[in-house]
Amino acid sequence: MFRFESLDIWKLAIEYADGLYELAKGLPKDERFNLVDQLKRAALSISNNIAEGSGTATKKNFSSFLDISLASAFETVNLLYFAAKREYITEKERLKFYKKAELLVKKIRSFKKFLN
């Protein structure tokens, strides 16, 4: 088993990305190469950076990867705001993922504090 597979933040990030991938299926086809791709990349980047960082040699390096994960989480929140503004998703859908992002960010920040 790889180290990241036992991390709750990684598991939560995978669930979050999976939900966003499902949401992205309902976005307009003409957004496939813009909003949809960007949302998917940002969502997957969260767990990717947790996994990649867990394999680094130092806590400082791991912490840097966690910063990238946080930035990607914030990016998804911004993209969801835009999708709601364009009426591609409902406010209810945006809030559902907003709350999930808040929890994920909180847990990643707590883990960063634990590392340091």
N, C-alpha and C. Protein backbone atom coordinates (compact mmCIF):
# COMPACT_ATOMS: atom_id res chain seq x y z
N MET A 1 0.85 -1.19 0.00
CA MET A 1 0.00 0.00 0.00
C MET A 1 0.89 1.24 0.00
N PHE A 2 0.51 2.20 -0.82
CA PHE A 2 1.22 3.48 -0.83
C PHE A 2 0.73 4.35 0.32
N ARG A 3 1.59 5.21 0.80
CA ARG A 3 1.28 6.05 1.96
C ARG A 3 -0.01 6.85 1.78
N PHE A 4 -0.19 7.43 0.60
CA PHE A 4 -1.34 8.30 0.38
C PHE A 4 -2.67 7.56 0.47
N GLU A 5 -2.66 6.26 0.19
CA GLU A 5 -3.90 5.49 0.20
C GLU A 5 -4.54 5.40 1.59
N SER A 6 -3.75 5.63 2.61
CA SER A 6 -4.29 5.58 3.98
C SER A 6 -4.70 6.96 4.50
N LEU A 7 -4.48 7.99 3.70
CA LEU A 7 -4.79 9.36 4.14
C LEU A 7 -6.26 9.71 3.89
N ASP A 8 -6.92 10.15 4.94
CA ASP A 8 -8.33 10.56 4.80
C ASP A 8 -8.48 11.72 3.82
N ILE A 9 -7.52 12.62 3.79
CA ILE A 9 -7.62 13.77 2.86
C ILE A 9 -7.57 13.30 1.41
N TRP A 10 -6.79 12.27 1.14
CA TRP A 10 -6.73 11.75 -0.23
C TRP A 10 -8.06 11.09 -0.59
N LYS A 11 -8.60 10.29 0.32
CA LYS A 11 -9.88 9.63 0.08
C LYS A 11 -10.99 10.66 -0.16
N LEU A 12 -11.00 11.70 0.66
CA LEU A 12 -12.00 12.76 0.52
C LEU A 12 -11.82 13.50 -0.81
N ALA A 13 -10.58 13.73 -1.20
CA ALA A 13 -10.30 14.41 -2.46
C ALA A 13 -10.75 13.58 -3.66
N ILE A 14 -10.58 12.26 -3.57
CA ILE A 14 -11.04 11.37 -4.64
C ILE A 14 -12.57 11.43 -4.76
N GLU A 15 -13.25 11.40 -3.63
CA GLU A 15 -14.72 11.48 -3.63
C GLU A 15 -15.19 12.82 -4.21
N TYR A 16 -14.52 13.89 -3.82
CA TYR A 16 -14.87 15.23 -4.31
C TYR A 16 -14.70 15.29 -5.84
N ALA A 17 -13.57 14.81 -6.32
CA ALA A 17 -13.33 14.81 -7.76
C ALA A 17 -14.35 13.96 -8.51
N ASP A 18 -14.68 12.81 -7.94
CA ASP A 18 -15.66 11.94 -8.58
C ASP A 18 -17.01 12.65 -8.71
N GLY A 19 -17.41 13.36 -7.66
CA GLY A 19 -18.66 14.11 -7.71
C GLY A 19 -18.62 15.22 -8.75
N LEU A 20 -17.49 15.90 -8.84
CA LEU A 20 -17.36 16.98 -9.83
C LEU A 20 -17.34 16.42 -11.26
N TYR A 21 -16.76 15.26 -11.44
CA TYR A 21 -16.78 14.63 -12.76
C TYR A 21 -18.22 14.32 -13.17
N GLU A 22 -19.00 13.84 -12.22
CA GLU A 22 -20.42 13.56 -12.50
C GLU A 22 -21.16 14.86 -12.85
N LEU A 23 -20.90 15.90 -12.07
CA LEU A 23 -21.53 17.20 -12.33
C LEU A 23 -21.15 17.71 -13.72
N ALA A 24 -19.90 17.53 -14.08
CA ALA A 24 -19.39 18.02 -15.37
C ALA A 24 -20.11 17.39 -16.55
N LYS A 25 -20.63 16.18 -16.38
CA LYS A 25 -21.36 15.51 -17.46
C LYS A 25 -22.58 16.31 -17.89
N GLY A 26 -23.15 17.09 -16.96
CA GLY A 26 -24.35 17.86 -17.27
C GLY A 26 -24.09 19.27 -17.77
N LEU A 27 -22.82 19.65 -17.84
CA LEU A 27 -22.50 20.99 -18.34
C LEU A 27 -22.63 21.04 -19.86
N PRO A 28 -22.86 22.22 -20.41
CA PRO A 28 -23.07 22.33 -21.86
C PRO A 28 -21.90 21.77 -22.67
N LYS A 29 -22.24 21.15 -23.77
CA LYS A 29 -21.23 20.55 -24.64
C LYS A 29 -20.24 21.58 -25.18
N ASP A 30 -20.72 22.81 -25.40
CA ASP A 30 -19.81 23.83 -25.93
C ASP A 30 -18.80 24.31 -24.88
N GLU A 31 -18.94 23.86 -23.65
CA GLU A 31 -17.97 24.18 -22.60
C GLU A 31 -16.98 23.03 -22.38
N ARG A 32 -17.07 22.00 -23.23
CA ARG A 32 -16.25 20.81 -23.04
C ARG A 32 -14.75 21.11 -23.01
N PHE A 33 -14.30 22.03 -23.82
CA PHE A 33 -12.87 22.32 -23.89
C PHE A 33 -12.47 23.51 -23.04
N ASN A 34 -13.40 24.05 -22.29
CA ASN A 34 -13.09 25.18 -21.42
C ASN A 34 -13.43 24.83 -19.98
N LEU A 35 -14.62 25.17 -19.58
CA LEU A 35 -15.04 25.00 -18.20
C LEU A 35 -14.98 23.54 -17.75
N VAL A 36 -15.47 22.63 -18.56
CA VAL A 36 -15.50 21.21 -18.18
C VAL A 36 -14.08 20.68 -17.96
N ASP A 37 -13.21 20.91 -18.92
CA ASP A 37 -11.84 20.42 -18.79
C ASP A 37 -11.12 21.06 -17.61
N GLN A 38 -11.32 22.35 -17.42
CA GLN A 38 -10.66 23.05 -16.32
C GLN A 38 -11.16 22.53 -14.97
N LEU A 39 -12.46 22.33 -14.86
CA LEU A 39 -13.04 21.81 -13.62
C LEU A 39 -12.50 20.42 -13.31
N LYS A 40 -12.44 19.57 -14.32
CA LYS A 40 -11.94 18.21 -14.12
C LYS A 40 -10.46 18.22 -13.73
N ARG A 41 -9.66 19.04 -14.42
CA ARG A 41 -8.23 19.10 -14.11
C ARG A 41 -8.00 19.59 -12.68
N ALA A 42 -8.71 20.65 -12.30
CA ALA A 42 -8.55 21.19 -10.95
C ALA A 42 -8.99 20.18 -9.90
N ALA A 43 -10.11 19.50 -10.15
CA ALA A 43 -10.63 18.52 -9.20
C ALA A 43 -9.64 17.37 -9.01
N LEU A 44 -9.10 16.86 -10.09
CA LEU A 44 -8.18 15.74 -10.02
C LEU A 44 -6.82 16.16 -9.45
N SER A 45 -6.46 17.41 -9.64
CA SER A 45 -5.19 17.92 -9.13
C SER A 45 -5.11 17.85 -7.60
N ILE A 46 -6.24 17.94 -6.94
CA ILE A 46 -6.25 17.92 -5.47
C ILE A 46 -5.68 16.59 -4.98
N SER A 47 -6.26 15.49 -5.41
CA SER A 47 -5.77 14.17 -4.96
C SER A 47 -4.41 13.83 -5.57
N ASN A 48 -4.17 14.26 -6.81
CA ASN A 48 -2.87 14.00 -7.43
C ASN A 48 -1.73 14.59 -6.61
N ASN A 49 -1.91 15.81 -6.15
CA ASN A 49 -0.84 16.46 -5.40
C ASN A 49 -0.68 15.89 -4.00
N ILE A 50 -1.77 15.42 -3.41
CA ILE A 50 -1.66 14.73 -2.12
C ILE A 50 -0.84 13.45 -2.31
N ALA A 51 -1.18 12.70 -3.36
CA ALA A 51 -0.47 11.45 -3.63
C ALA A 51 1.00 11.71 -3.95
N GLU A 52 1.25 12.66 -4.84
CA GLU A 52 2.63 12.96 -5.22
C GLU A 52 3.43 13.47 -4.03
N GLY A 53 2.84 14.34 -3.26
CA GLY A 53 3.54 14.89 -2.10
C GLY A 53 3.86 13.85 -1.05
N SER A 54 3.00 12.86 -0.91
CA SER A 54 3.23 11.83 0.11
C SER A 54 4.47 11.00 -0.19
N GLY A 55 4.91 11.03 -1.42
CA GLY A 55 6.09 10.27 -1.80
C GLY A 55 7.38 11.06 -1.75
N THR A 56 7.30 12.31 -1.33
CA THR A 56 8.52 13.12 -1.26
C THR A 56 9.31 12.79 0.00
N ALA A 57 10.56 13.20 0.00
CA ALA A 57 11.47 12.84 1.09
C ALA A 57 11.31 13.68 2.34
N THR A 58 10.74 14.89 2.20
CA THR A 58 10.68 15.77 3.37
C THR A 58 9.26 16.26 3.63
N LYS A 59 9.02 16.62 4.87
CA LYS A 59 7.72 17.19 5.24
C LYS A 59 7.51 18.53 4.55
N LYS A 60 8.59 19.28 4.37
CA LYS A 60 8.50 20.58 3.71
C LYS A 60 8.02 20.41 2.26
N ASN A 61 8.56 19.43 1.57
CA ASN A 61 8.12 19.17 0.19
C ASN A 61 6.66 18.72 0.15
N PHE A 62 6.30 17.84 1.07
CA PHE A 62 4.92 17.36 1.14
C PHE A 62 3.99 18.55 1.39
N SER A 63 4.39 19.44 2.28
CA SER A 63 3.59 20.63 2.59
C SER A 63 3.39 21.50 1.35
N SER A 64 4.41 21.60 0.52
CA SER A 64 4.29 22.38 -0.72
C SER A 64 3.26 21.77 -1.67
N PHE A 65 3.25 20.45 -1.75
CA PHE A 65 2.25 19.78 -2.59
C PHE A 65 0.85 19.97 -2.02
N LEU A 66 0.74 20.01 -0.70
CA LEU A 66 -0.56 20.26 -0.08
C LEU A 66 -1.04 21.67 -0.40
N ASP A 67 -0.11 22.62 -0.50
CA ASP A 67 -0.48 23.99 -0.91
C ASP A 67 -1.08 23.99 -2.31
N ILE A 68 -0.52 23.20 -3.19
CA ILE A 68 -1.05 23.10 -4.55
C ILE A 68 -2.44 22.46 -4.52
N SER A 69 -2.61 21.46 -3.68
CA SER A 69 -3.93 20.83 -3.52
C SER A 69 -4.96 21.86 -3.06
N LEU A 70 -4.57 22.68 -2.10
CA LEU A 70 -5.48 23.73 -1.61
C LEU A 70 -5.84 24.70 -2.73
N ALA A 71 -4.84 25.12 -3.49
CA ALA A 71 -5.08 26.05 -4.59
C ALA A 71 -6.05 25.45 -5.61
N SER A 72 -5.90 24.17 -5.88
CA SER A 72 -6.80 23.50 -6.82
C SER A 72 -8.22 23.41 -6.28
N ALA A 73 -8.34 23.20 -4.98
CA ALA A 73 -9.68 23.18 -4.36
C ALA A 73 -10.34 24.55 -4.51
N PHE A 74 -9.57 25.61 -4.25
CA PHE A 74 -10.12 26.96 -4.41
C PHE A 74 -10.51 27.23 -5.87
N GLU A 75 -9.73 26.69 -6.78
CA GLU A 75 -10.04 26.85 -8.20
C GLU A 75 -11.38 26.21 -8.53
N THR A 76 -11.65 25.03 -7.99
CA THR A 76 -12.94 24.38 -8.26
C THR A 76 -14.09 25.23 -7.73
N VAL A 77 -13.91 25.82 -6.56
CA VAL A 77 -14.96 26.67 -5.99
C VAL A 77 -15.23 27.85 -6.92
N ASN A 78 -14.19 28.46 -7.43
CA ASN A 78 -14.34 29.58 -8.35
C ASN A 78 -15.06 29.14 -9.63
N LEU A 79 -14.68 28.00 -10.16
CA LEU A 79 -15.31 27.50 -11.38
C LEU A 79 -16.79 27.19 -11.17
N LEU A 80 -17.11 26.69 -9.99
CA LEU A 80 -18.52 26.41 -9.68
C LEU A 80 -19.33 27.70 -9.55
N TYR A 81 -18.72 28.75 -9.01
CA TYR A 81 -19.39 30.05 -8.97
C TYR A 81 -19.71 30.51 -10.39
N PHE A 82 -18.74 30.37 -11.27
CA PHE A 82 -18.94 30.79 -12.65
C PHE A 82 -20.04 29.96 -13.32
N ALA A 83 -20.01 28.65 -13.10
CA ALA A 83 -21.03 27.77 -13.68
C ALA A 83 -22.42 28.14 -13.19
N ALA A 84 -22.53 28.50 -11.92
CA ALA A 84 -23.83 28.92 -11.37
C ALA A 84 -24.25 30.26 -11.96
N LYS A 85 -23.30 31.17 -12.11
CA LYS A 85 -23.62 32.49 -12.69
C LYS A 85 -24.14 32.34 -14.12
N ARG A 86 -23.58 31.40 -14.85
CA ARG A 86 -24.01 31.15 -16.22
C ARG A 86 -25.27 30.27 -16.27
N GLU A 87 -25.74 29.87 -15.10
CA GLU A 87 -26.92 29.02 -14.95
C GLU A 87 -26.72 27.64 -15.57
N TYR A 88 -25.47 27.17 -15.54
CA TYR A 88 -25.17 25.81 -15.97
C TYR A 88 -25.49 24.81 -14.85
N ILE A 89 -25.39 25.29 -13.61
CA ILE A 89 -25.73 24.47 -12.45
C ILE A 89 -26.64 25.31 -11.54
N THR A 90 -27.35 24.63 -10.67
CA THR A 90 -28.23 25.35 -9.74
C THR A 90 -27.42 25.84 -8.54
N GLU A 91 -27.99 26.77 -7.83
CA GLU A 91 -27.36 27.26 -6.61
C GLU A 91 -27.26 26.12 -5.58
N LYS A 92 -28.23 25.26 -5.59
CA LYS A 92 -28.22 24.11 -4.67
C LYS A 92 -27.03 23.20 -4.97
N GLU A 93 -26.77 22.96 -6.24
CA GLU A 93 -25.62 22.13 -6.63
C GLU A 93 -24.31 22.83 -6.23
N ARG A 94 -24.24 24.13 -6.49
CA ARG A 94 -23.03 24.87 -6.13
C ARG A 94 -22.76 24.78 -4.64
N LEU A 95 -23.81 24.98 -3.84
CA LEU A 95 -23.65 24.95 -2.39
C LEU A 95 -23.25 23.56 -1.89
N LYS A 96 -23.77 22.54 -2.51
CA LYS A 96 -23.42 21.16 -2.14
C LYS A 96 -21.92 20.96 -2.27
N PHE A 97 -21.35 21.37 -3.39
CA PHE A 97 -19.92 21.20 -3.61
C PHE A 97 -19.10 22.22 -2.83
N TYR A 98 -19.66 23.38 -2.59
CA TYR A 98 -18.99 24.39 -1.78
C TYR A 98 -18.72 23.84 -0.38
N LYS A 99 -19.73 23.21 0.21
CA LYS A 99 -19.59 22.63 1.55
C LYS A 99 -18.57 21.49 1.55
N LYS A 100 -18.56 20.70 0.50
CA LYS A 100 -17.58 19.62 0.40
C LYS A 100 -16.17 20.20 0.27
N ALA A 101 -16.04 21.27 -0.50
CA ALA A 101 -14.73 21.92 -0.65
C ALA A 101 -14.27 22.53 0.68
N GLU A 102 -15.19 23.14 1.41
CA GLU A 102 -14.84 23.71 2.72
C GLU A 102 -14.28 22.63 3.65
N LEU A 103 -14.93 21.49 3.69
CA LEU A 103 -14.48 20.39 4.54
C LEU A 103 -13.11 19.89 4.09
N LEU A 104 -12.95 19.72 2.81
CA LEU A 104 -11.69 19.24 2.27
C LEU A 104 -10.56 20.21 2.59
N VAL A 105 -10.78 21.49 2.37
CA VAL A 105 -9.77 22.51 2.67
C VAL A 105 -9.41 22.49 4.16
N LYS A 106 -10.42 22.41 5.00
CA LYS A 106 -10.19 22.37 6.44
C LYS A 106 -9.32 21.18 6.82
N LYS A 107 -9.62 20.02 6.26
CA LYS A 107 -8.87 18.81 6.59
C LYS A 107 -7.44 18.85 6.04
N ILE A 108 -7.27 19.40 4.85
CA ILE A 108 -5.91 19.52 4.29
C ILE A 108 -5.10 20.49 5.15
N ARG A 109 -5.69 21.60 5.54
CA ARG A 109 -4.97 22.56 6.40
C ARG A 109 -4.60 21.93 7.75
N SER A 110 -5.51 21.16 8.31
CA SER A 110 -5.21 20.48 9.58
C SER A 110 -4.07 19.49 9.41
N PHE A 111 -4.08 18.77 8.30
CA PHE A 111 -3.00 17.82 8.04
C PHE A 111 -1.67 18.54 7.87
N LYS A 112 -1.69 19.69 7.19
CA LYS A 112 -0.46 20.50 7.04
C LYS A 112 0.09 20.90 8.40
N LYS A 113 -0.79 21.31 9.30
CA LYS A 113 -0.34 21.69 10.65
C LYS A 113 0.27 20.50 11.36
N PHE A 114 -0.34 19.33 11.19
CA PHE A 114 0.17 18.10 11.78
C PHE A 114 1.58 17.79 11.24
N LEU A 115 1.79 17.98 9.95
CA LEU A 115 3.10 17.73 9.34
C LEU A 115 4.18 18.64 9.92
N ASN A 116 3.78 19.90 10.11
CA ASN A 116 4.75 20.89 10.58
C ASN A 116 4.85 20.82 12.08
